[in-house]
């Protein structure tokens, strides 16, 4: 290699480094710009904002690689003043890569509302579980808001083959009401009527929800389309939401123990 060519090569290499143009390693869990504990931080923000007697949620799932649609979703939600928070029902990423999570979150930061992420099956592939836990927080968590206890949990059992996802013991302990939260809402990615739910745990899971007084609805993503009904004829209402590519989401309202919703197209 001639002297001029050598100089040119190293100048090009320095340019690539300065522009952060190298691809992320699929094994990378964080970098110097990675966000940490987003769910906890967004809950702090949520609790700091004024509340009224209605809980209004923009409920959507499966952002994956639908970046253009995510941008439109954000613009739409920012124009709905009544929204209290955004609930992302899993599959934030497609391949569980840090680069994906960071790209999606950089877009989500344009939201003028708090946003909470629930883990999806695509989020736990590769080292995605570690990325999600560091960036968003625990895979199983609960919080209280507006007289409702929300119980978010990992139902991506087919990704583990351990027979303990979802964690029914943890879930059973969480499905309790209090004087301030008389109602319950569960939220996870894979619904029990999906083939990607651990079939050995379906009965235990659905029975647990059936036996939980005050449970208003069980919310899910994963199937990429909106459904609302009682698939087990046991009084438990299950609702799924559209994936981002459908350009539609559920605007869910909870008031005095009642639920209503409408689909918002964008």
C-alpha atoms as a PDB file:
ATOM      1  CA  UNK A   1       0.000   0.000   0.000  1.00  0.00           C
ATOM      2  CA  UNK A   2       1.473   3.373  -1.043  1.00  0.00           C
ATOM      3  CA  UNK A   3       1.965   6.209   1.451  1.00  0.00           C
ATOM      4  CA  UNK A   4      -0.988   8.175   0.073  1.00  0.00           C
ATOM      5  CA  UNK A   5      -3.242   5.122   0.140  1.00  0.00           C
ATOM      6  CA  UNK A   6      -2.214   4.353   3.721  1.00  0.00           C
ATOM      7  CA  UNK A   7      -3.062   7.867   4.845  1.00  0.00           C
ATOM      8  CA  UNK A   8      -6.373   7.696   3.017  1.00  0.00           C
ATOM      9  CA  UNK A   9      -7.243   4.382   4.664  1.00  0.00           C
ATOM     10  CA  UNK A  10      -6.631   5.646   8.173  1.00  0.00           C
ATOM     11  CA  UNK A  11      -8.481   8.898   7.511  1.00  0.00           C
ATOM     12  CA  UNK A  12     -11.471   6.863   6.352  1.00  0.00           C
ATOM     13  CA  UNK A  13     -11.214   4.667   9.437  1.00  0.00           C
ATOM     14  CA  UNK A  14     -11.126   7.684  11.743  1.00  0.00           C
ATOM     15  CA  UNK A  15     -14.163   9.111   9.948  1.00  0.00           C
ATOM     16  CA  UNK A  16     -16.114   5.913  10.537  1.00  0.00           C
ATOM     17  CA  UNK A  17     -15.158   5.896  14.207  1.00  0.00           C
ATOM     18  CA  UNK A  18     -16.086   9.555  14.673  1.00  0.00           C
ATOM     19  CA  UNK A  19     -19.488   8.969  13.098  1.00  0.00           C
ATOM     20  CA  UNK A  20     -20.189   5.894  15.249  1.00  0.00           C
ATOM     21  CA  UNK A  21     -20.732   3.955  12.038  1.00  0.00           C
ATOM     22  CA  UNK A  22     -19.570   0.590  13.319  1.00  0.00           C
ATOM     23  CA  UNK A  23     -22.349  -1.916  13.900  1.00  0.00           C
ATOM     24  CA  UNK A  24     -23.182  -2.917  17.458  1.00  0.00           C
ATOM     25  CA  UNK A  25     -22.135  -6.327  18.635  1.00  0.00           C
ATOM     26  CA  UNK A  26     -25.167  -8.620  19.089  1.00  0.00           C
ATOM     27  CA  UNK A  27     -23.743  -9.366  22.537  1.00  0.00           C
ATOM     28  CA  UNK A  28     -23.648  -5.742  23.671  1.00  0.00           C
ATOM     29  CA  UNK A  29     -25.912  -4.977  26.628  1.00  0.00           C
ATOM     30  CA  UNK A  30     -25.203  -1.270  27.114  1.00  0.00           C
ATOM     31  CA  UNK A  31     -22.971   1.581  26.019  1.00  0.00           C
ATOM     32  CA  UNK A  32     -22.068   4.971  27.472  1.00  0.00           C
ATOM     33  CA  UNK A  33     -25.333   6.526  26.247  1.00  0.00           C
ATOM     34  CA  UNK A  34     -27.716   3.729  27.281  1.00  0.00           C
ATOM     35  CA  UNK A  35     -30.716   4.723  29.348  1.00  0.00           C
ATOM     36  CA  UNK A  36     -31.384   3.010  32.676  1.00  0.00           C
ATOM     37  CA  UNK A  37     -34.589   2.216  34.631  1.00  0.00           C
ATOM     38  CA  UNK A  38     -36.945   3.941  32.203  1.00  0.00           C
ATOM     39  CA  UNK A  39     -40.092   2.428  33.695  1.00  0.00           C
ATOM     40  CA  UNK A  40     -39.244   3.703  37.172  1.00  0.00           C
ATOM     41  CA  UNK A  41     -38.367   7.152  35.840  1.00  0.00           C
ATOM     42  CA  UNK A  42     -41.555   7.358  33.792  1.00  0.00           C
ATOM     43  CA  UNK A  43     -43.609   6.310  36.801  1.00  0.00           C
ATOM     44  CA  UNK A  44     -42.033   9.150  38.776  1.00  0.00           C
ATOM     45  CA  UNK A  45     -43.042  11.502  35.989  1.00  0.00           C
ATOM     46  CA  UNK A  46     -46.564  10.046  35.895  1.00  0.00           C
ATOM     47  CA  UNK A  47     -47.042  10.547  39.630  1.00  0.00           C
ATOM     48  CA  UNK A  48     -45.855  14.146  39.371  1.00  0.00           C
ATOM     49  CA  UNK A  49     -48.538  15.105  36.838  1.00  0.00           C
ATOM     50  CA  UNK A  50     -52.100  16.239  37.658  1.00  0.00           C
ATOM     51  CA  UNK A  51     -54.669  13.435  37.908  1.00  0.00           C
ATOM     52  CA  UNK A  52     -58.404  13.370  37.338  1.00  0.00           C
ATOM     53  CA  UNK A  53     -61.015  10.679  37.974  1.00  0.00           C
ATOM     54  CA  UNK A  54     -60.397   8.862  34.672  1.00  0.00           C
ATOM     55  CA  UNK A  55     -57.335   6.809  33.752  1.00  0.00           C
ATOM     56  CA  UNK A  56     -56.664   7.190  30.025  1.00  0.00           C
ATOM     57  CA  UNK A  57     -54.091   4.915  28.395  1.00  0.00           C
ATOM     58  CA  UNK A  58     -52.675   4.754  24.884  1.00  0.00           C
ATOM     59  CA  UNK A  59     -52.333   0.965  24.631  1.00  0.00           C
ATOM     60  CA  UNK A  60     -50.228  -0.372  21.756  1.00  0.00           C
ATOM     61  CA  UNK A  61     -47.778  -3.180  21.057  1.00  0.00           C
ATOM     62  CA  UNK A  62     -45.084  -4.582  18.794  1.00  0.00           C
ATOM     63  CA  UNK A  63     -43.094  -1.604  17.577  1.00  0.00           C
ATOM     64  CA  UNK A  64     -40.311  -3.874  16.244  1.00  0.00           C
ATOM     65  CA  UNK A  65     -39.082  -2.323  12.966  1.00  0.00           C
ATOM     66  CA  UNK A  66     -42.127  -0.165  12.258  1.00  0.00           C
ATOM     67  CA  UNK A  67     -40.228   3.090  12.686  1.00  0.00           C
ATOM     68  CA  UNK A  68     -42.283   5.304  10.374  1.00  0.00           C
ATOM     69  CA  UNK A  69     -45.487   4.181  12.047  1.00  0.00           C
ATOM     70  CA  UNK A  70     -43.968   4.800  15.480  1.00  0.00           C
ATOM     71  CA  UNK A  71     -43.249   8.396  14.506  1.00  0.00           C
ATOM     72  CA  UNK A  72     -46.876   8.865  13.437  1.00  0.00           C
ATOM     73  CA  UNK A  73     -48.102   7.241  16.658  1.00  0.00           C
ATOM     74  CA  UNK A  74     -46.052   9.651  18.744  1.00  0.00           C
ATOM     75  CA  UNK A  75     -47.429  12.655  16.868  1.00  0.00           C
ATOM     76  CA  UNK A  76     -50.969  11.349  17.362  1.00  0.00           C
ATOM     77  CA  UNK A  77     -50.614  10.700  21.093  1.00  0.00           C
ATOM     78  CA  UNK A  78     -49.000  14.090  21.654  1.00  0.00           C
ATOM     79  CA  UNK A  79     -52.193  15.636  20.318  1.00  0.00           C
ATOM     80  CA  UNK A  80     -54.501  13.780  22.734  1.00  0.00           C
ATOM     81  CA  UNK A  81     -54.394  15.797  25.934  1.00  0.00           C
ATOM     82  CA  UNK A  82     -56.401  13.252  27.946  1.00  0.00           C
ATOM     83  CA  UNK A  83     -53.754  10.500  27.716  1.00  0.00           C
ATOM     84  CA  UNK A  84     -52.154   9.808  31.098  1.00  0.00           C
ATOM     85  CA  UNK A  85     -49.532   7.347  29.913  1.00  0.00           C
ATOM     86  CA  UNK A  86     -48.528   5.072  27.035  1.00  0.00           C
ATOM     87  CA  UNK A  87     -48.470   1.316  27.612  1.00  0.00           C
ATOM     88  CA  UNK A  88     -46.179  -0.640  25.260  1.00  0.00           C
ATOM     89  CA  UNK A  89     -47.288  -4.274  25.336  1.00  0.00           C
ATOM     90  CA  UNK A  90     -43.979  -5.859  24.342  1.00  0.00           C
ATOM     91  CA  UNK A  91     -41.807  -6.562  21.307  1.00  0.00           C
ATOM     92  CA  UNK A  92     -40.218  -3.162  21.522  1.00  0.00           C
ATOM     93  CA  UNK A  93     -37.357  -4.686  19.528  1.00  0.00           C
ATOM     94  CA  UNK A  94     -37.282  -7.325  16.816  1.00  0.00           C
ATOM     95  CA  UNK A  95     -33.970  -9.073  17.476  1.00  0.00           C
ATOM     96  CA  UNK A  96     -33.267  -8.155  21.105  1.00  0.00           C
ATOM     97  CA  UNK A  97     -30.345  -5.923  20.111  1.00  0.00           C
ATOM     98  CA  UNK A  98     -29.177  -2.915  22.074  1.00  0.00           C
ATOM     99  CA  UNK A  99     -29.093  -0.822  18.903  1.00  0.00           C
ATOM    100  CA  UNK A 100     -32.805  -1.500  18.328  1.00  0.00           C
ATOM    101  CA  UNK A 101     -33.808  -0.643  21.872  1.00  0.00           C
ATOM    102  CA  UNK A 102     -31.821   2.587  21.756  1.00  0.00           C
ATOM    103  CA  UNK A 103     -33.275   3.609  18.403  1.00  0.00           C
ATOM    104  CA  UNK A 104     -36.858   2.969  19.533  1.00  0.00           C
ATOM    105  CA  UNK A 105     -36.327   4.753  22.819  1.00  0.00           C
ATOM    106  CA  UNK A 106     -34.765   7.767  21.116  1.00  0.00           C
ATOM    107  CA  UNK A 107     -38.013   8.064  19.180  1.00  0.00           C
ATOM    108  CA  UNK A 108     -40.194   7.444  22.254  1.00  0.00           C
ATOM    109  CA  UNK A 109     -38.485  10.317  24.034  1.00  0.00           C
ATOM    110  CA  UNK A 110     -40.470  12.653  21.794  1.00  0.00           C
ATOM    111  CA  UNK A 111     -43.603  11.588  23.659  1.00  0.00           C
ATOM    112  CA  UNK A 112     -45.042  14.275  25.887  1.00  0.00           C
ATOM    113  CA  UNK A 113     -46.525  11.553  28.094  1.00  0.00           C
ATOM    114  CA  UNK A 114     -44.869   8.937  30.332  1.00  0.00           C
ATOM    115  CA  UNK A 115     -44.362   5.553  28.668  1.00  0.00           C
ATOM    116  CA  UNK A 116     -43.996   2.092  30.200  1.00  0.00           C
ATOM    117  CA  UNK A 117     -42.551  -0.958  28.490  1.00  0.00           C
ATOM    118  CA  UNK A 118     -43.607  -4.590  28.987  1.00  0.00           C
ATOM    119  CA  UNK A 119     -41.261  -7.343  27.808  1.00  0.00           C
ATOM    120  CA  UNK A 120     -42.093  -9.278  24.620  1.00  0.00           C
ATOM    121  CA  UNK A 121     -40.817 -12.538  23.187  1.00  0.00           C
ATOM    122  CA  UNK A 122     -38.654 -10.737  20.623  1.00  0.00           C
ATOM    123  CA  UNK A 123     -37.191  -8.638  23.428  1.00  0.00           C
ATOM    124  CA  UNK A 124     -35.641 -11.630  25.200  1.00  0.00           C
ATOM    125  CA  UNK A 125     -33.797 -13.226  22.259  1.00  0.00           C
ATOM    126  CA  UNK A 126     -29.993 -12.948  22.051  1.00  0.00           C
ATOM    127  CA  UNK A 127     -29.076 -10.859  25.126  1.00  0.00           C
ATOM    128  CA  UNK A 128     -32.245  -8.826  24.886  1.00  0.00           C
ATOM    129  CA  UNK A 129     -33.475  -9.797  28.343  1.00  0.00           C
ATOM    130  CA  UNK A 130     -30.403  -8.175  29.892  1.00  0.00           C
ATOM    131  CA  UNK A 131     -30.824  -5.101  27.690  1.00  0.00           C
ATOM    132  CA  UNK A 132     -34.502  -4.776  28.624  1.00  0.00           C
ATOM    133  CA  UNK A 133     -33.892  -5.219  32.350  1.00  0.00           C
ATOM    134  CA  UNK A 134     -31.169  -2.598  32.390  1.00  0.00           C
ATOM    135  CA  UNK A 135     -32.966  -0.115  30.159  1.00  0.00           C
ATOM    136  CA  UNK A 136     -36.596  -0.526  31.276  1.00  0.00           C
ATOM    137  CA  UNK A 137     -36.458  -2.480  34.540  1.00  0.00           C
ATOM    138  CA  UNK A 138     -37.746  -5.785  35.965  1.00  0.00           C
ATOM    139  CA  UNK A 139     -39.645  -8.147  33.678  1.00  0.00           C
ATOM    140  CA  UNK A 140     -42.343  -8.477  36.371  1.00  0.00           C
ATOM    141  CA  UNK A 141     -43.498  -5.301  38.081  1.00  0.00           C
ATOM    142  CA  UNK A 142     -46.629  -3.598  39.357  1.00  0.00           C
ATOM    143  CA  UNK A 143     -47.741  -0.058  40.066  1.00  0.00           C
ATOM    144  CA  UNK A 144     -50.784   1.810  41.339  1.00  0.00           C
ATOM    145  CA  UNK A 145     -52.443   4.652  39.497  1.00  0.00           C
ATOM    146  CA  UNK A 146     -55.888   6.205  39.649  1.00  0.00           C
ATOM    147  CA  UNK A 147     -57.344   3.571  41.978  1.00  0.00           C
ATOM    148  CA  UNK A 148     -56.083   0.710  39.782  1.00  0.00           C
ATOM    149  CA  UNK A 149     -53.252  -1.724  40.391  1.00  0.00           C
ATOM    150  CA  UNK A 150     -51.505  -2.597  37.131  1.00  0.00           C
ATOM    151  CA  UNK A 151     -49.638  -5.914  37.162  1.00  0.00           C
ATOM    152  CA  UNK A 152     -47.152  -6.232  34.294  1.00  0.00           C
ATOM    153  CA  UNK A 153     -45.478  -9.590  33.819  1.00  0.00           C
ATOM    154  CA  UNK A 154     -43.477 -11.823  31.516  1.00  0.00           C
ATOM    155  CA  UNK A 155     -45.560 -14.418  29.618  1.00  0.00           C
ATOM    156  CA  UNK A 156     -42.984 -15.324  26.946  1.00  0.00           C
ATOM    157  CA  UNK A 157     -42.714 -18.924  28.119  1.00  0.00           C
ATOM    158  CA  UNK A 158     -41.705 -20.491  24.811  1.00  0.00           C
ATOM    159  CA  UNK A 159     -38.456 -18.507  24.885  1.00  0.00           C
ATOM    160  CA  UNK A 160     -37.336 -20.148  28.143  1.00  0.00           C
ATOM    161  CA  UNK A 161     -38.417 -23.817  28.206  1.00  0.00           C
ATOM    162  CA  UNK A 162     -38.241 -23.702  32.011  1.00  0.00           C
ATOM    163  CA  UNK A 163     -41.907 -24.195  32.851  1.00  0.00           C
ATOM    164  CA  UNK A 164     -42.009 -21.163  35.144  1.00  0.00           C
ATOM    165  CA  UNK A 165     -42.791 -18.294  32.765  1.00  0.00           C
ATOM    166  CA  UNK A 166     -45.151 -16.741  33.633  1.00  0.00           C
ATOM    167  CA  UNK A 167     -44.239 -16.849  37.307  1.00  0.00           C
ATOM    168  CA  UNK A 168     -47.604 -17.837  38.761  1.00  0.00           C
ATOM    169  CA  UNK A 169     -46.440 -17.570  42.366  1.00  0.00           C
ATOM    170  CA  UNK A 170     -45.324 -13.991  41.867  1.00  0.00           C
ATOM    171  CA  UNK A 171     -48.479 -13.185  39.934  1.00  0.00           C
ATOM    172  CA  UNK A 172     -50.697 -14.639  42.638  1.00  0.00           C
ATOM    173  CA  UNK A 173     -49.046 -12.453  45.259  1.00  0.00           C
ATOM    174  CA  UNK A 174     -49.572  -9.372  43.131  1.00  0.00           C
ATOM    175  CA  UNK A 175     -53.236  -9.930  42.313  1.00  0.00           C
ATOM    176  CA  UNK A 176     -54.437  -8.332  45.520  1.00  0.00           C
ATOM    177  CA  UNK A 177     -56.461  -5.183  45.985  1.00  0.00           C
ATOM    178  CA  UNK A 178     -56.042  -2.445  48.569  1.00  0.00           C
ATOM    179  CA  UNK A 179     -58.072   0.398  50.027  1.00  0.00           C
ATOM    180  CA  UNK A 180     -56.605   2.769  47.449  1.00  0.00           C
ATOM    181  CA  UNK A 181     -56.584   0.365  44.478  1.00  0.00           C
ATOM    182  CA  UNK A 182     -59.864  -1.519  44.346  1.00  0.00           C
ATOM    183  CA  UNK A 183     -59.385  -2.690  40.769  1.00  0.00           C
ATOM    184  CA  UNK A 184     -56.789  -4.763  38.940  1.00  0.00           C
ATOM    185  CA  UNK A 185     -55.495  -4.734  35.368  1.00  0.00           C
ATOM    186  CA  UNK A 186     -52.965  -7.309  34.176  1.00  0.00           C
ATOM    187  CA  UNK A 187     -50.741  -6.638  31.191  1.00  0.00           C
ATOM    188  CA  UNK A 188     -48.288  -8.892  29.371  1.00  0.00           C
ATOM    189  CA  UNK A 189     -47.169  -9.620  25.845  1.00  0.00           C
ATOM    190  CA  UNK A 190     -48.270 -13.164  24.953  1.00  0.00           C
ATOM    191  CA  UNK A 191     -51.940 -13.932  25.738  1.00  0.00           C
ATOM    192  CA  UNK A 192     -52.802 -17.399  27.065  1.00  0.00           C
ATOM    193  CA  UNK A 193     -54.732 -18.249  23.893  1.00  0.00           C
ATOM    194  CA  UNK A 194     -51.573 -17.908  21.785  1.00  0.00           C
ATOM    195  CA  UNK A 195     -49.505 -20.946  20.817  1.00  0.00           C
ATOM    196  CA  UNK A 196     -46.467 -19.081  22.153  1.00  0.00           C
ATOM    197  CA  UNK A 197     -47.814 -19.251  25.715  1.00  0.00           C
ATOM    198  CA  UNK A 198     -46.492 -22.222  27.718  1.00  0.00           C
ATOM    199  CA  UNK A 199     -49.400 -24.642  27.310  1.00  0.00           C
ATOM    200  CA  UNK A 200     -48.615 -26.351  30.630  1.00  0.00           C
ATOM    201  CA  UNK A 201     -49.360 -23.113  32.470  1.00  0.00           C
ATOM    202  CA  UNK A 202     -52.530 -22.034  30.666  1.00  0.00           C
ATOM    203  CA  UNK A 203     -54.955 -23.558  33.161  1.00  0.00           C
ATOM    204  CA  UNK A 204     -53.088 -22.247  36.173  1.00  0.00           C
ATOM    205  CA  UNK A 205     -52.821 -18.797  34.631  1.00  0.00           C
ATOM    206  CA  UNK A 206     -56.419 -18.442  33.514  1.00  0.00           C
ATOM    207  CA  UNK A 207     -57.722 -19.850  36.805  1.00  0.00           C
ATOM    208  CA  UNK A 208     -55.610 -17.365  38.729  1.00  0.00           C
ATOM    209  CA  UNK A 209     -57.080 -14.456  36.782  1.00  0.00           C
ATOM    210  CA  UNK A 210     -60.577 -15.898  37.163  1.00  0.00           C
ATOM    211  CA  UNK A 211     -60.139 -16.081  40.932  1.00  0.00           C
ATOM    212  CA  UNK A 212     -58.950 -12.467  41.268  1.00  0.00           C
ATOM    213  CA  UNK A 213     -61.760 -10.152  42.458  1.00  0.00           C
ATOM    214  CA  UNK A 214     -61.662  -6.701  40.933  1.00  0.00           C
ATOM    215  CA  UNK A 215     -59.839  -7.751  37.764  1.00  0.00           C
ATOM    216  CA  UNK A 216     -61.136  -5.491  35.009  1.00  0.00           C
ATOM    217  CA  UNK A 217     -59.214  -6.736  31.981  1.00  0.00           C
ATOM    218  CA  UNK A 218     -56.120  -8.643  30.912  1.00  0.00           C
ATOM    219  CA  UNK A 219     -54.155  -6.667  28.292  1.00  0.00           C
ATOM    220  CA  UNK A 220     -51.813  -8.187  25.694  1.00  0.00           C
ATOM    221  CA  UNK A 221     -49.950  -7.638  22.442  1.00  0.00           C
ATOM    222  CA  UNK A 222     -48.209 -10.262  20.315  1.00  0.00           C
ATOM    223  CA  UNK A 223     -50.969 -11.238  17.875  1.00  0.00           C
ATOM    224  CA  UNK A 224     -50.651  -7.893  16.034  1.00  0.00           C
ATOM    225  CA  UNK A 225     -54.366  -7.222  15.943  1.00  0.00           C
ATOM    226  CA  UNK A 226     -57.064  -5.917  18.257  1.00  0.00           C
ATOM    227  CA  UNK A 227     -59.416  -8.370  19.952  1.00  0.00           C
ATOM    228  CA  UNK A 228     -61.764  -7.924  22.889  1.00  0.00           C
ATOM    229  CA  UNK A 229     -63.762 -10.694  24.524  1.00  0.00           C
ATOM    230  CA  UNK A 230     -64.118 -13.589  26.958  1.00  0.00           C
ATOM    231  CA  UNK A 231     -62.388 -16.540  25.252  1.00  0.00           C
ATOM    232  CA  UNK A 232     -62.670 -18.880  28.250  1.00  0.00           C
ATOM    233  CA  UNK A 233     -66.268 -17.973  29.183  1.00  0.00           C
ATOM    234  CA  UNK A 234     -65.133 -17.478  32.770  1.00  0.00           C
ATOM    235  CA  UNK A 235     -65.914 -13.786  33.175  1.00  0.00           C
ATOM    236  CA  UNK A 236     -62.327 -12.669  32.481  1.00  0.00           C
ATOM    237  CA  UNK A 237     -62.035 -10.089  29.750  1.00  0.00           C
ATOM    238  CA  UNK A 238     -58.987 -10.285  27.479  1.00  0.00           C
ATOM    239  CA  UNK A 239     -58.002  -7.463  25.152  1.00  0.00           C
ATOM    240  CA  UNK A 240     -55.198  -7.285  22.586  1.00  0.00           C
ATOM    241  CA  UNK A 241     -54.015  -4.260  20.690  1.00  0.00           C
ATOM    242  CA  UNK A 242     -52.763  -3.609  17.188  1.00  0.00           C
ATOM    243  CA  UNK A 243     -49.100  -3.660  16.235  1.00  0.00           C
ATOM    244  CA  UNK A 244     -47.674  -0.393  14.970  1.00  0.00           C
ATOM    245  CA  UNK A 245     -47.849  -1.384  11.312  1.00  0.00           C
ATOM    246  CA  UNK A 246     -51.668  -1.355  11.564  1.00  0.00           C
ATOM    247  CA  UNK A 247     -51.510   2.385  12.344  1.00  0.00           C
ATOM    248  CA  UNK A 248     -54.135   1.997  15.029  1.00  0.00           C
ATOM    249  CA  UNK A 249     -54.087   1.729  18.810  1.00  0.00           C
ATOM    250  CA  UNK A 250     -56.493   1.311  21.711  1.00  0.00           C
ATOM    251  CA  UNK A 251     -57.368   4.432  23.675  1.00  0.00           C
ATOM    252  CA  UNK A 252     -58.448   2.822  26.937  1.00  0.00           C
ATOM    253  CA  UNK A 253     -60.407   4.644  29.644  1.00  0.00           C
ATOM    254  CA  UNK A 254     -61.010   3.401  33.185  1.00  0.00           C
ATOM    255  CA  UNK A 255     -63.537   5.213  35.311  1.00  0.00           C
ATOM    256  CA  UNK A 256     -65.093   4.033  38.563  1.00  0.00           C
ATOM    257  CA  UNK A 257     -64.390   0.387  37.820  1.00  0.00           C
ATOM    258  CA  UNK A 258     -65.702   0.536  34.253  1.00  0.00           C
ATOM    259  CA  UNK A 259     -63.759   0.260  31.013  1.00  0.00           C
ATOM    260  CA  UNK A 260     -64.464   1.782  27.666  1.00  0.00           C
ATOM    261  CA  UNK A 261     -62.239   2.291  24.675  1.00  0.00           C
ATOM    262  CA  UNK A 262     -62.051   3.321  21.075  1.00  0.00           C
ATOM    263  CA  UNK A 263     -59.593   2.612  18.319  1.00  0.00           C
ATOM    264  CA  UNK A 264     -57.519   5.561  17.168  1.00  0.00           C
ATOM    265  CA  UNK A 265     -56.307   5.381  13.587  1.00  0.00           C
ATOM    266  CA  UNK A 266     -53.341   7.446  12.500  1.00  0.00           C
END
